[in-house]
Amino acid sequence: MSVASPPPPPTSYPYPPPQQSAGTNAVLSLVLGILGVVCCSLLAPFAWYFGNQEVKAIQAGISPAAGDGFAKAGMILGIVGVIVFGMQLIWVFFMGGMVMLSAFANQFGH
C-alpha cells in the first residue's frame, strides 16, 4: 500500500496588489484643514471645499478610495476652522471693536 505524499508548496507567491495612494486633493484638504485650525483660519474654507470635492470624486469613482479618510478629515477640519474663524470675526468686531471705541472715547473725551 503506497501513501500519496502531499503536493509540494508553490515555489513563488504572487505579489500583493500595489496599494493605492491618496489623491492630491485629499492630502491637500487635510493639510489645509490642519493649518486652518492651528494657525491660519483663512485656509479653512479651502480645506472644506477641497475635501468636499474629493469626497464627491471618490464616490463617483474618479479618485482613489484610499484618500477617503484624508478627504473627510480635511473637510471636517475645514468646517471646524470656519466656525473658529467666524467666532474670531465676531470677537474682533464686537468685543474688540467695543474696546477700541471705548479707548478712543476716553482719549478724545478729556
PDB file of N, CA and C in Angstrom:
ATOM      1  N   MET A   1       0.825  -1.157   0.000  1.00  0.00           N
ATOM      2  CA  MET A   1       0.000   0.000   0.000  1.00  0.00           C
ATOM      3  C   MET A   1       0.887   1.244   0.000  1.00  0.00           C
ATOM      4  N   SER A   2       0.695   2.075  -0.957  1.00  0.00           N
ATOM      5  CA  SER A   2       1.534   3.274  -1.017  1.00  0.00           C
ATOM      6  C   SER A   2       0.726   4.482  -0.547  1.00  0.00           C
ATOM      7  N   VAL A   3       1.419   5.334   0.188  1.00  0.00           N
ATOM      8  CA  VAL A   3       0.781   6.541   0.716  1.00  0.00           C
ATOM      9  C   VAL A   3       1.159   7.698  -0.203  1.00  0.00           C
ATOM     10  N   ALA A   4       0.160   8.427  -0.638  1.00  0.00           N
ATOM     11  CA  ALA A   4       0.414   9.561  -1.531  1.00  0.00           C
ATOM     12  C   ALA A   4       0.940  10.732  -0.706  1.00  0.00           C
ATOM     13  N   SER A   5       1.997  11.323  -1.174  1.00  0.00           N
ATOM     14  CA  SER A   5       2.552  12.467  -0.454  1.00  0.00           C
ATOM     15  C   SER A   5       1.809  13.738  -0.885  1.00  0.00           C
ATOM     16  N   PRO A   6       1.723  14.722   0.034  1.00  0.00           N
ATOM     17  CA  PRO A   6       1.029  15.962  -0.330  1.00  0.00           C
ATOM     18  C   PRO A   6       1.808  16.715  -1.406  1.00  0.00           C
ATOM     19  N   PRO A   7       1.119  17.508  -2.187  1.00  0.00           N
ATOM     20  CA  PRO A   7       1.827  18.247  -3.249  1.00  0.00           C
ATOM     21  C   PRO A   7       2.789  19.261  -2.633  1.00  0.00           C
ATOM     22  N   PRO A   8       3.887  19.513  -3.316  1.00  0.00           N
ATOM     23  CA  PRO A   8       4.848  20.484  -2.760  1.00  0.00           C
ATOM     24  C   PRO A   8       4.246  21.896  -2.763  1.00  0.00           C
ATOM     25  N   PRO A   9       4.667  22.720  -1.816  1.00  0.00           N
ATOM     26  CA  PRO A   9       4.136  24.088  -1.790  1.00  0.00           C
ATOM     27  C   PRO A   9       4.606  24.857  -3.018  1.00  0.00           C
ATOM     28  N   PRO A  10       3.844  25.824  -3.435  1.00  0.00           N
ATOM     29  CA  PRO A  10       4.268  26.596  -4.613  1.00  0.00           C
ATOM     30  C   PRO A  10       5.588  27.315  -4.326  1.00  0.00           C
ATOM     31  N   THR A  11       6.407  27.401  -5.327  1.00  0.00           N
ATOM     32  CA  THR A  11       7.732  28.000  -5.143  1.00  0.00           C
ATOM     33  C   THR A  11       7.685  29.523  -5.115  1.00  0.00           C
ATOM     34  N   SER A  12       6.722  30.107  -5.759  1.00  0.00           N
ATOM     35  CA  SER A  12       6.638  31.572  -5.728  1.00  0.00           C
ATOM     36  C   SER A  12       5.190  31.979  -5.467  1.00  0.00           C
ATOM     37  N   TYR A  13       5.054  33.008  -4.675  1.00  0.00           N
ATOM     38  CA  TYR A  13       3.732  33.526  -4.353  1.00  0.00           C
ATOM     39  C   TYR A  13       3.512  34.804  -5.157  1.00  0.00           C
ATOM     40  N   PRO A  14       2.290  34.999  -5.599  1.00  0.00           N
ATOM     41  CA  PRO A  14       2.045  36.246  -6.329  1.00  0.00           C
ATOM     42  C   PRO A  14       2.179  37.437  -5.379  1.00  0.00           C
ATOM     43  N   TYR A  15       2.702  38.496  -5.904  1.00  0.00           N
ATOM     44  CA  TYR A  15       2.861  39.712  -5.103  1.00  0.00           C
ATOM     45  C   TYR A  15       1.491  40.308  -4.792  1.00  0.00           C
ATOM     46  N   PRO A  16       1.364  40.897  -3.624  1.00  0.00           N
ATOM     47  CA  PRO A  16       0.076  41.546  -3.339  1.00  0.00           C
ATOM     48  C   PRO A  16      -0.105  42.745  -4.266  1.00  0.00           C
ATOM     49  N   PRO A  17      -1.334  43.072  -4.554  1.00  0.00           N
ATOM     50  CA  PRO A  17      -1.550  44.219  -5.457  1.00  0.00           C
ATOM     51  C   PRO A  17      -1.016  45.496  -4.818  1.00  0.00           C
ATOM     52  N   PRO A  18      -0.483  46.379  -5.625  1.00  0.00           N
ATOM     53  CA  PRO A  18       0.037  47.623  -5.048  1.00  0.00           C
ATOM     54  C   PRO A  18      -1.092  48.421  -4.392  1.00  0.00           C
ATOM     55  N   GLN A  19      -0.769  48.998  -3.254  1.00  0.00           N
ATOM     56  CA  GLN A  19      -1.775  49.781  -2.561  1.00  0.00           C
ATOM     57  C   GLN A  19      -1.936  51.131  -3.239  1.00  0.00           C
ATOM     58  N   GLN A  20      -3.173  51.574  -3.274  1.00  0.00           N
ATOM     59  CA  GLN A  20      -3.438  52.884  -3.858  1.00  0.00           C
ATOM     60  C   GLN A  20      -3.020  53.956  -2.857  1.00  0.00           C
ATOM     61  N   SER A  21      -2.556  55.048  -3.383  1.00  0.00           N
ATOM     62  CA  SER A  21      -2.235  56.176  -2.510  1.00  0.00           C
ATOM     63  C   SER A  21      -3.366  57.191  -2.600  1.00  0.00           C
ATOM     64  N   ALA A  22      -3.440  58.032  -1.590  1.00  0.00           N
ATOM     65  CA  ALA A  22      -4.485  59.048  -1.549  1.00  0.00           C
ATOM     66  C   ALA A  22      -4.259  60.070  -2.662  1.00  0.00           C
ATOM     67  N   GLY A  23      -5.330  60.620  -3.151  1.00  0.00           N
ATOM     68  CA  GLY A  23      -5.239  61.635  -4.193  1.00  0.00           C
ATOM     69  C   GLY A  23      -4.654  62.932  -3.662  1.00  0.00           C
ATOM     70  N   THR A  24      -4.187  63.752  -4.560  1.00  0.00           N
ATOM     71  CA  THR A  24      -3.556  65.018  -4.185  1.00  0.00           C
ATOM     72  C   THR A  24      -4.521  65.938  -3.446  1.00  0.00           C
ATOM     73  N   ASN A  25      -5.760  66.007  -3.914  1.00  0.00           N
ATOM     74  CA  ASN A  25      -6.730  66.881  -3.260  1.00  0.00           C
ATOM     75  C   ASN A  25      -7.081  66.406  -1.858  1.00  0.00           C
ATOM     76  N   ALA A  26      -7.040  65.102  -1.632  1.00  0.00           N
ATOM     77  CA  ALA A  26      -7.324  64.581  -0.292  1.00  0.00           C
ATOM     78  C   ALA A  26      -6.233  65.010   0.687  1.00  0.00           C
ATOM     79  N   VAL A  27      -4.988  64.872   0.275  1.00  0.00           N
ATOM     80  CA  VAL A  27      -3.870  65.276   1.134  1.00  0.00           C
ATOM     81  C   VAL A  27      -3.868  66.795   1.308  1.00  0.00           C
ATOM     82  N   LEU A  28      -4.128  67.522   0.234  1.00  0.00           N
ATOM     83  CA  LEU A  28      -4.187  68.982   0.306  1.00  0.00           C
ATOM     84  C   LEU A  28      -5.277  69.433   1.275  1.00  0.00           C
ATOM     85  N   SER A  29      -6.419  68.779   1.220  1.00  0.00           N
ATOM     86  CA  SER A  29      -7.513  69.112   2.120  1.00  0.00           C
ATOM     87  C   SER A  29      -7.117  68.898   3.574  1.00  0.00           C
ATOM     88  N   LEU A  30      -6.454  67.788   3.857  1.00  0.00           N
ATOM     89  CA  LEU A  30      -6.032  67.501   5.228  1.00  0.00           C
ATOM     90  C   LEU A  30      -5.014  68.518   5.715  1.00  0.00           C
ATOM     91  N   VAL A  31      -4.043  68.837   4.885  1.00  0.00           N
ATOM     92  CA  VAL A  31      -3.003  69.806   5.281  1.00  0.00           C
ATOM     93  C   VAL A  31      -3.622  71.185   5.510  1.00  0.00           C
ATOM     94  N   LEU A  32      -4.479  71.630   4.584  1.00  0.00           N
ATOM     95  CA  LEU A  32      -5.132  72.930   4.755  1.00  0.00           C
ATOM     96  C   LEU A  32      -6.042  72.939   5.975  1.00  0.00           C
ATOM     97  N   GLY A  33      -6.700  71.824   6.242  1.00  0.00           N
ATOM     98  CA  GLY A  33      -7.560  71.732   7.416  1.00  0.00           C
ATOM     99  C   GLY A  33      -6.778  71.855   8.710  1.00  0.00           C
ATOM    100  N   ILE A  34      -5.640  71.183   8.781  1.00  0.00           N
ATOM    101  CA  ILE A  34      -4.798  71.277   9.979  1.00  0.00           C
ATOM    102  C   ILE A  34      -4.285  72.699  10.150  1.00  0.00           C
ATOM    103  N   LEU A  35      -3.785  73.275   9.070  1.00  0.00           N
ATOM    104  CA  LEU A  35      -3.292  74.649   9.153  1.00  0.00           C
ATOM    105  C   LEU A  35      -4.422  75.626   9.472  1.00  0.00           C
ATOM    106  N   GLY A  36      -5.608  75.381   8.934  1.00  0.00           N
ATOM    107  CA  GLY A  36      -6.741  76.255   9.185  1.00  0.00           C
ATOM    108  C   GLY A  36      -7.184  76.254  10.636  1.00  0.00           C
ATOM    109  N   VAL A  37      -7.051  75.128  11.300  1.00  0.00           N
ATOM    110  CA  VAL A  37      -7.439  75.048  12.707  1.00  0.00           C
ATOM    111  C   VAL A  37      -6.318  75.534  13.616  1.00  0.00           C
ATOM    112  N   VAL A  38      -5.080  75.218  13.269  1.00  0.00           N
ATOM    113  CA  VAL A  38      -3.957  75.507  14.153  1.00  0.00           C
ATOM    114  C   VAL A  38      -3.488  76.952  14.062  1.00  0.00           C
ATOM    115  N   CYS A  39      -3.275  77.460  12.839  1.00  0.00           N
ATOM    116  CA  CYS A  39      -2.612  78.765  12.777  1.00  0.00           C
ATOM    117  C   CYS A  39      -3.253  79.783  11.839  1.00  0.00           C
ATOM    118  N   CYS A  40      -3.848  79.377  10.762  1.00  0.00           N
ATOM    119  CA  CYS A  40      -4.330  80.344   9.778  1.00  0.00           C
ATOM    120  C   CYS A  40      -5.758  80.005   9.378  1.00  0.00           C
ATOM    121  N   SER A  41      -6.702  80.635  10.015  1.00  0.00           N
ATOM    122  CA  SER A  41      -8.110  80.321   9.794  1.00  0.00           C
ATOM    123  C   SER A  41      -8.585  80.630   8.377  1.00  0.00           C
ATOM    124  N   LEU A  42      -7.867  81.471   7.659  1.00  0.00           N
ATOM    125  CA  LEU A  42      -8.263  81.792   6.284  1.00  0.00           C
ATOM    126  C   LEU A  42      -8.153  80.585   5.355  1.00  0.00           C
ATOM    127  N   LEU A  43      -7.391  79.569   5.744  1.00  0.00           N
ATOM    128  CA  LEU A  43      -7.229  78.381   4.905  1.00  0.00           C
ATOM    129  C   LEU A  43      -8.353  77.367   5.103  1.00  0.00           C
ATOM    130  N   ALA A  44      -9.119  77.509   6.167  1.00  0.00           N
ATOM    131  CA  ALA A  44     -10.148  76.529   6.497  1.00  0.00           C
ATOM    132  C   ALA A  44     -11.229  76.386   5.417  1.00  0.00           C
ATOM    133  N   PRO A  45     -11.737  77.472   4.843  1.00  0.00           N
ATOM    134  CA  PRO A  45     -12.752  77.280   3.783  1.00  0.00           C
ATOM    135  C   PRO A  45     -12.211  76.507   2.575  1.00  0.00           C
ATOM    136  N   PHE A  46     -10.936  76.685   2.277  1.00  0.00           N
ATOM    137  CA  PHE A  46     -10.337  75.956   1.161  1.00  0.00           C
ATOM    138  C   PHE A  46     -10.242  74.469   1.486  1.00  0.00           C
ATOM    139  N   ALA A  47      -9.931  74.139   2.731  1.00  0.00           N
ATOM    140  CA  ALA A  47      -9.878  72.733   3.153  1.00  0.00           C
ATOM    141  C   ALA A  47     -11.258  72.099   3.028  1.00  0.00           C
ATOM    142  N   TRP A  48     -12.278  72.835   3.442  1.00  0.00           N
ATOM    143  CA  TRP A  48     -13.649  72.342   3.352  1.00  0.00           C
ATOM    144  C   TRP A  48     -14.013  72.088   1.890  1.00  0.00           C
ATOM    145  N   TYR A  49     -13.686  73.041   1.020  1.00  0.00           N
ATOM    146  CA  TYR A  49     -14.013  72.924  -0.400  1.00  0.00           C
ATOM    147  C   TYR A  49     -13.294  71.728  -1.046  1.00  0.00           C
ATOM    148  N   PHE A  50     -11.961  71.659  -0.870  1.00  0.00           N
ATOM    149  CA  PHE A  50     -11.199  70.578  -1.496  1.00  0.00           C
ATOM    150  C   PHE A  50     -11.600  69.217  -0.940  1.00  0.00           C
ATOM    151  N   GLY A  51     -11.870  69.144   0.361  1.00  0.00           N
ATOM    152  CA  GLY A  51     -12.307  67.883   0.947  1.00  0.00           C
ATOM    153  C   GLY A  51     -13.647  67.439   0.391  1.00  0.00           C
ATOM    154  N   ASN A  52     -14.567  68.373   0.264  1.00  0.00           N
ATOM    155  CA  ASN A  52     -15.888  68.059  -0.280  1.00  0.00           C
ATOM    156  C   ASN A  52     -15.778  67.602  -1.731  1.00  0.00           C
ATOM    157  N   GLN A  53     -14.977  68.290  -2.533  1.00  0.00           N
ATOM    158  CA  GLN A  53     -14.799  67.911  -3.933  1.00  0.00           C
ATOM    159  C   GLN A  53     -14.171  66.526  -4.065  1.00  0.00           C
ATOM    160  N   GLU A  54     -13.209  66.230  -3.185  1.00  0.00           N
ATOM    161  CA  GLU A  54     -12.533  64.927  -3.255  1.00  0.00           C
ATOM    162  C   GLU A  54     -13.467  63.800  -2.819  1.00  0.00           C
ATOM    163  N   VAL A  55     -14.291  64.028  -1.813  1.00  0.00           N
ATOM    164  CA  VAL A  55     -15.256  63.004  -1.390  1.00  0.00           C
ATOM    165  C   VAL A  55     -16.228  62.711  -2.535  1.00  0.00           C
ATOM    166  N   LYS A  56     -16.677  63.759  -3.218  1.00  0.00           N
ATOM    167  CA  LYS A  56     -17.573  63.551  -4.367  1.00  0.00           C
ATOM    168  C   LYS A  56     -16.866  62.789  -5.482  1.00  0.00           C
ATOM    169  N   ALA A  57     -15.589  63.101  -5.728  1.00  0.00           N
ATOM    170  CA  ALA A  57     -14.825  62.404  -6.777  1.00  0.00           C
ATOM    171  C   ALA A  57     -14.601  60.940  -6.405  1.00  0.00           C
ATOM    172  N   ILE A  58     -14.394  60.658  -5.135  1.00  0.00           N
ATOM    173  CA  ILE A  58     -14.206  59.273  -4.694  1.00  0.00           C
ATOM    174  C   ILE A  58     -15.508  58.501  -4.857  1.00  0.00           C
ATOM    175  N   GLN A  59     -16.623  59.113  -4.504  1.00  0.00           N
ATOM    176  CA  GLN A  59     -17.925  58.451  -4.651  1.00  0.00           C
ATOM    177  C   GLN A  59     -18.263  58.208  -6.115  1.00  0.00           C
ATOM    178  N   ALA A  60     -17.797  59.082  -6.999  1.00  0.00           N
ATOM    179  CA  ALA A  60     -18.032  58.911  -8.435  1.00  0.00           C
ATOM    180  C   ALA A  60     -17.053  57.926  -9.064  1.00  0.00           C
ATOM    181  N   GLY A  61     -16.026  57.522  -8.319  1.00  0.00           N
ATOM    182  CA  GLY A  61     -15.047  56.580  -8.843  1.00  0.00           C
ATOM    183  C   GLY A  61     -13.930  57.232  -9.629  1.00  0.00           C
ATOM    184  N   ILE A  62     -13.811  58.545  -9.556  1.00  0.00           N
ATOM    185  CA  ILE A  62     -12.781  59.262 -10.304  1.00  0.00           C
ATOM    186  C   ILE A  62     -11.451  59.245  -9.552  1.00  0.00           C
ATOM    187  N   SER A  63     -11.509  59.428  -8.247  1.00  0.00           N
ATOM    188  CA  SER A  63     -10.305  59.468  -7.414  1.00  0.00           C
ATOM    189  C   SER A  63     -10.160  58.158  -6.653  1.00  0.00           C
ATOM    190  N   PRO A  64      -8.925  57.817  -6.235  1.00  0.00           N
ATOM    191  CA  PRO A  64      -8.731  56.564  -5.495  1.00  0.00           C
ATOM    192  C   PRO A  64      -9.414  56.598  -4.134  1.00  0.00           C
ATOM    193  N   ALA A  65      -9.969  55.462  -3.756  1.00  0.00           N
ATOM    194  CA  ALA A  65     -10.703  55.351  -2.497  1.00  0.00           C
ATOM    195  C   ALA A  65      -9.790  55.438  -1.284  1.00  0.00           C
ATOM    196  N   ALA A  66      -8.492  55.308  -1.478  1.00  0.00           N
ATOM    197  CA  ALA A  66      -7.557  55.376  -0.353  1.00  0.00           C
ATOM    198  C   ALA A  66      -7.533  56.756   0.293  1.00  0.00           C
ATOM    199  N   GLY A  67      -7.953  57.786  -0.423  1.00  0.00           N
ATOM    200  CA  GLY A  67      -7.938  59.141   0.110  1.00  0.00           C
ATOM    201  C   GLY A  67      -9.219  59.536   0.820  1.00  0.00           C
ATOM    202  N   ASP A  68     -10.138  58.612   0.980  1.00  0.00           N
ATOM    203  CA  ASP A  68     -11.426  58.940   1.588  1.00  0.00           C
ATOM    204  C   ASP A  68     -11.280  59.462   3.013  1.00  0.00           C
ATOM    205  N   GLY A  69     -10.461  58.818   3.812  1.00  0.00           N
ATOM    206  CA  GLY A  69     -10.263  59.256   5.193  1.00  0.00           C
ATOM    207  C   GLY A  69      -9.609  60.623   5.267  1.00  0.00           C
ATOM    208  N   PHE A  70      -8.604  60.841   4.426  1.00  0.00           N
ATOM    209  CA  PHE A  70      -7.930  62.141   4.401  1.00  0.00           C
ATOM    210  C   PHE A  70      -8.905  63.245   3.990  1.00  0.00           C
ATOM    211  N   ALA A  71      -9.690  62.962   2.954  1.00  0.00           N
ATOM    212  CA  ALA A  71     -10.619  63.971   2.443  1.00  0.00           C
ATOM    213  C   ALA A  71     -11.683  64.317   3.487  1.00  0.00           C
ATOM    214  N   LYS A  72     -12.225  63.297   4.142  1.00  0.00           N
ATOM    215  CA  LYS A  72     -13.248  63.556   5.154  1.00  0.00           C
ATOM    216  C   LYS A  72     -12.661  64.283   6.361  1.00  0.00           C
ATOM    217  N   ALA A  73     -11.457  63.887   6.774  1.00  0.00           N
ATOM    218  CA  ALA A  73     -10.819  64.572   7.904  1.00  0.00           C
ATOM    219  C   ALA A  73     -10.523  66.024   7.549  1.00  0.00           C
ATOM    220  N   GLY A  74     -10.027  66.276   6.340  1.00  0.00           N
ATOM    221  CA  GLY A  74      -9.770  67.644   5.902  1.00  0.00           C
ATOM    222  C   GLY A  74     -11.042  68.460   5.821  1.00  0.00           C
ATOM    223  N   MET A  75     -12.126  67.838   5.358  1.00  0.00           N
ATOM    224  CA  MET A  75     -13.395  68.544   5.263  1.00  0.00           C
ATOM    225  C   MET A  75     -13.917  68.900   6.661  1.00  0.00           C
ATOM    226  N   ILE A  76     -13.827  67.972   7.597  1.00  0.00           N
ATOM    227  CA  ILE A  76     -14.292  68.230   8.962  1.00  0.00           C
ATOM    228  C   ILE A  76     -13.432  69.298   9.623  1.00  0.00           C
ATOM    229  N   LEU A  77     -12.115  69.214   9.446  1.00  0.00           N
ATOM    230  CA  LEU A  77     -11.250  70.257   9.996  1.00  0.00           C
ATOM    231  C   LEU A  77     -11.540  71.607   9.351  1.00  0.00           C
ATOM    232  N   GLY A  78     -11.870  71.605   8.067  1.00  0.00           N
ATOM    233  CA  GLY A  78     -12.245  72.844   7.396  1.00  0.00           C
ATOM    234  C   GLY A  78     -13.503  73.450   7.988  1.00  0.00           C
ATOM    235  N   ILE A  79     -14.488  72.608   8.284  1.00  0.00           N
ATOM    236  CA  ILE A  79     -15.724  73.099   8.902  1.00  0.00           C
ATOM    237  C   ILE A  79     -15.436  73.676  10.281  1.00  0.00           C
ATOM    238  N   VAL A  80     -14.629  72.953  11.063  1.00  0.00           N
ATOM    239  CA  VAL A  80     -14.262  73.450  12.400  1.00  0.00           C
ATOM    240  C   VAL A  80     -13.505  74.769  12.279  1.00  0.00           C
ATOM    241  N   GLY A  81     -12.582  74.854  11.315  1.00  0.00           N
ATOM    242  CA  GLY A  81     -11.823  76.083  11.109  1.00  0.00           C
ATOM    243  C   GLY A  81     -12.695  77.258  10.712  1.00  0.00           C
ATOM    244  N   VAL A  82     -13.733  76.997   9.894  1.00  0.00           N
ATOM    245  CA  VAL A  82     -14.651  78.069   9.500  1.00  0.00           C
ATOM    246  C   VAL A  82     -15.433  78.559  10.716  1.00  0.00           C
ATOM    247  N   ILE A  83     -15.850  77.636  11.567  1.00  0.00           N
ATOM    248  CA  ILE A  83     -16.563  78.031  12.791  1.00  0.00           C
ATOM    249  C   ILE A  83     -15.657  78.863  13.691  1.00  0.00           C
ATOM    250  N   VAL A  84     -14.414  78.416  13.850  1.00  0.00           N
ATOM    251  CA  VAL A  84     -13.452  79.180  14.669  1.00  0.00           C
ATOM    252  C   VAL A  84     -13.212  80.553  14.049  1.00  0.00           C
ATOM    253  N   PHE A  85     -13.072  80.609  12.724  1.00  0.00           N
ATOM    254  CA  PHE A  85     -12.862  81.882  12.038  1.00  0.00           C
ATOM    255  C   PHE A  85     -14.047  82.821  12.253  1.00  0.00           C
ATOM    256  N   GLY A  86     -15.255  82.280  12.175  1.00  0.00           N
ATOM    257  CA  GLY A  86     -16.445  83.090  12.430  1.00  0.00           C
ATOM    258  C   GLY A  86     -16.468  83.631  13.849  1.00  0.00           C
ATOM    259  N   MET A  87     -16.084  82.804  14.804  1.00  0.00           N
ATOM    260  CA  MET A  87     -16.030  83.261  16.196  1.00  0.00           C
ATOM    261  C   MET A  87     -14.961  84.340  16.382  1.00  0.00           C
ATOM    262  N   GLN A  88     -13.847  84.185  15.667  1.00  0.00           N
ATOM    263  CA  GLN A  88     -12.798  85.206  15.737  1.00  0.00           C
ATOM    264  C   GLN A  88     -13.302  86.528  15.169  1.00  0.00           C
ATOM    265  N   LEU A  89     -14.005  86.474  14.062  1.00  0.00           N
ATOM    266  CA  LEU A  89     -14.544  87.702  13.471  1.00  0.00           C
ATOM    267  C   LEU A  89     -15.545  88.373  14.402  1.00  0.00           C
ATOM    268  N   ILE A  90     -16.410  87.574  14.995  1.00  0.00           N
ATOM    269  CA  ILE A  90     -17.378  88.136  15.944  1.00  0.00           C
ATOM    270  C   ILE A  90     -16.648  88.792  17.109  1.00  0.00           C
ATOM    271  N   TRP A  91     -15.622  88.133  17.619  1.00  0.00           N
ATOM    272  CA  TRP A  91     -14.880  88.691  18.748  1.00  0.00           C
ATOM    273  C   TRP A  91     -14.190  89.999  18.357  1.00  0.00           C
ATOM    274  N   VAL A  92     -13.574  90.026  17.182  1.00  0.00           N
ATOM    275  CA  VAL A  92     -12.857  91.229  16.760  1.00  0.00           C
ATOM    276  C   VAL A  92     -13.823  92.387  16.542  1.00  0.00           C
ATOM    277  N   PHE A  93     -14.923  92.127  15.839  1.00  0.00           N
ATOM    278  CA  PHE A  93     -15.826  93.222  15.505  1.00  0.00           C
ATOM    279  C   PHE A  93     -16.685  93.685  16.671  1.00  0.00           C
ATOM    280  N   PHE A  94     -17.083  92.774  17.526  1.00  0.00           N
ATOM    281  CA  PHE A  94     -17.965  93.173  18.609  1.00  0.00           C
ATOM    282  C   PHE A  94     -17.209  93.411  19.907  1.00  0.00           C
ATOM    283  N   MET A  95     -16.445  92.451  20.357  1.00  0.00           N
ATOM    284  CA  MET A  95     -15.721  92.617  21.619  1.00  0.00           C
ATOM    285  C   MET A  95     -14.541  93.574  21.443  1.00  0.00           C
ATOM    286  N   GLY A  96     -13.706  93.294  20.454  1.00  0.00           N
ATOM    287  CA  GLY A  96     -12.551  94.153  20.210  1.00  0.00           C
ATOM    288  C   GLY A  96     -12.956  95.523  19.710  1.00  0.00           C
ATOM    289  N   GLY A  97     -14.008  95.576  18.919  1.00  0.00           N
ATOM    290  CA  GLY A  97     -14.486  96.857  18.421  1.00  0.00           C
ATOM    291  C   GLY A  97     -14.979  97.754  19.536  1.00  0.00           C
ATOM    292  N   MET A  98     -15.635  97.172  20.508  1.00  0.00           N
ATOM    293  CA  MET A  98     -16.126  97.966  21.638  1.00  0.00           C
ATOM    294  C   MET A  98     -14.963  98.496  22.472  1.00  0.00           C
ATOM    295  N   VAL A  99     -13.922  97.714  22.610  1.00  0.00           N
ATOM    296  CA  VAL A  99     -12.747  98.164  23.364  1.00  0.00           C
ATOM    297  C   VAL A  99     -12.080  99.326  22.649  1.00  0.00           C
ATOM    298  N   MET A 100     -11.967  99.223  21.328  1.00  0.00           N
ATOM    299  CA  MET A 100     -11.345 100.306  20.563  1.00  0.00           C
ATOM    300  C   MET A 100     -12.172 101.585  20.649  1.00  0.00           C
ATOM    301  N   LEU A 101     -13.492 101.475  20.536  1.00  0.00           N
ATOM    302  CA  LEU A 101     -14.348 102.654  20.650  1.00  0.00           C
ATOM    303  C   LEU A 101     -14.248 103.272  22.040  1.00  0.00           C
ATOM    304  N   SER A 102     -14.176 102.430  23.039  1.00  0.00           N
ATOM    305  CA  SER A 102     -14.044 102.926  24.402  1.00  0.00           C
ATOM    306  C   SER A 102     -12.711 103.656  24.583  1.00  0.00           C
ATOM    307  N   ALA A 103     -11.649 103.125  24.012  1.00  0.00           N
ATOM    308  CA  ALA A 103     -10.330 103.767  24.121  1.00  0.00           C
ATOM    309  C   ALA A 103     -10.328 105.103  23.407  1.00  0.00           C
ATOM    310  N   PHE A 104     -10.940 105.162  22.219  1.00  0.00           N
ATOM    311  CA  PHE A 104     -10.999 106.438  21.501  1.00  0.00           C
ATOM    312  C   PHE A 104     -11.858 107.454  22.259  1.00  0.00           C
ATOM    313  N   ALA A 105     -12.957 107.000  22.845  1.00  0.00           N
ATOM    314  CA  ALA A 105     -13.820 107.908  23.583  1.00  0.00           C
ATOM    315  C   ALA A 105     -13.094 108.470  24.798  1.00  0.00           C
ATOM    316  N   ASN A 106     -12.329 107.628  25.464  1.00  0.00           N
ATOM    317  CA  ASN A 106     -11.580 108.091  26.634  1.00  0.00           C
ATOM    318  C   ASN A 106     -10.467 109.056  26.237  1.00  0.00           C
ATOM    319  N   GLN A 107      -9.832 108.787  25.091  1.00  0.00           N
ATOM    320  CA  GLN A 107      -8.726 109.635  24.650  1.00  0.00           C
ATOM    321  C   GLN A 107      -9.238 111.015  24.218  1.00  0.00           C
ATOM    322  N   PHE A 108     -10.293 111.045  23.435  1.00  0.00           N
ATOM    323  CA  PHE A 108     -10.790 112.325  22.936  1.00  0.00           C
ATOM    324  C   PHE A 108     -11.765 113.011  23.879  1.00  0.00           C
ATOM    325  N   GLY A 109     -12.248 112.310  24.871  1.00  0.00           N
ATOM    326  CA  GLY A 109     -13.190 112.884  25.810  1.00  0.00           C
ATOM    327  C   GLY A 109     -12.528 113.803  26.828  1.00  0.00           C
ATOM    328  N   HIS A 110     -11.255 113.693  27.021  1.00  0.00           N
ATOM    329  CA  HIS A 110     -10.567 114.509  28.029  1.00  0.00           C
ATOM    330  C   HIS A 110     -10.031 115.776  27.460  1.00  0.00           C
TER     331      HIS A 110
END
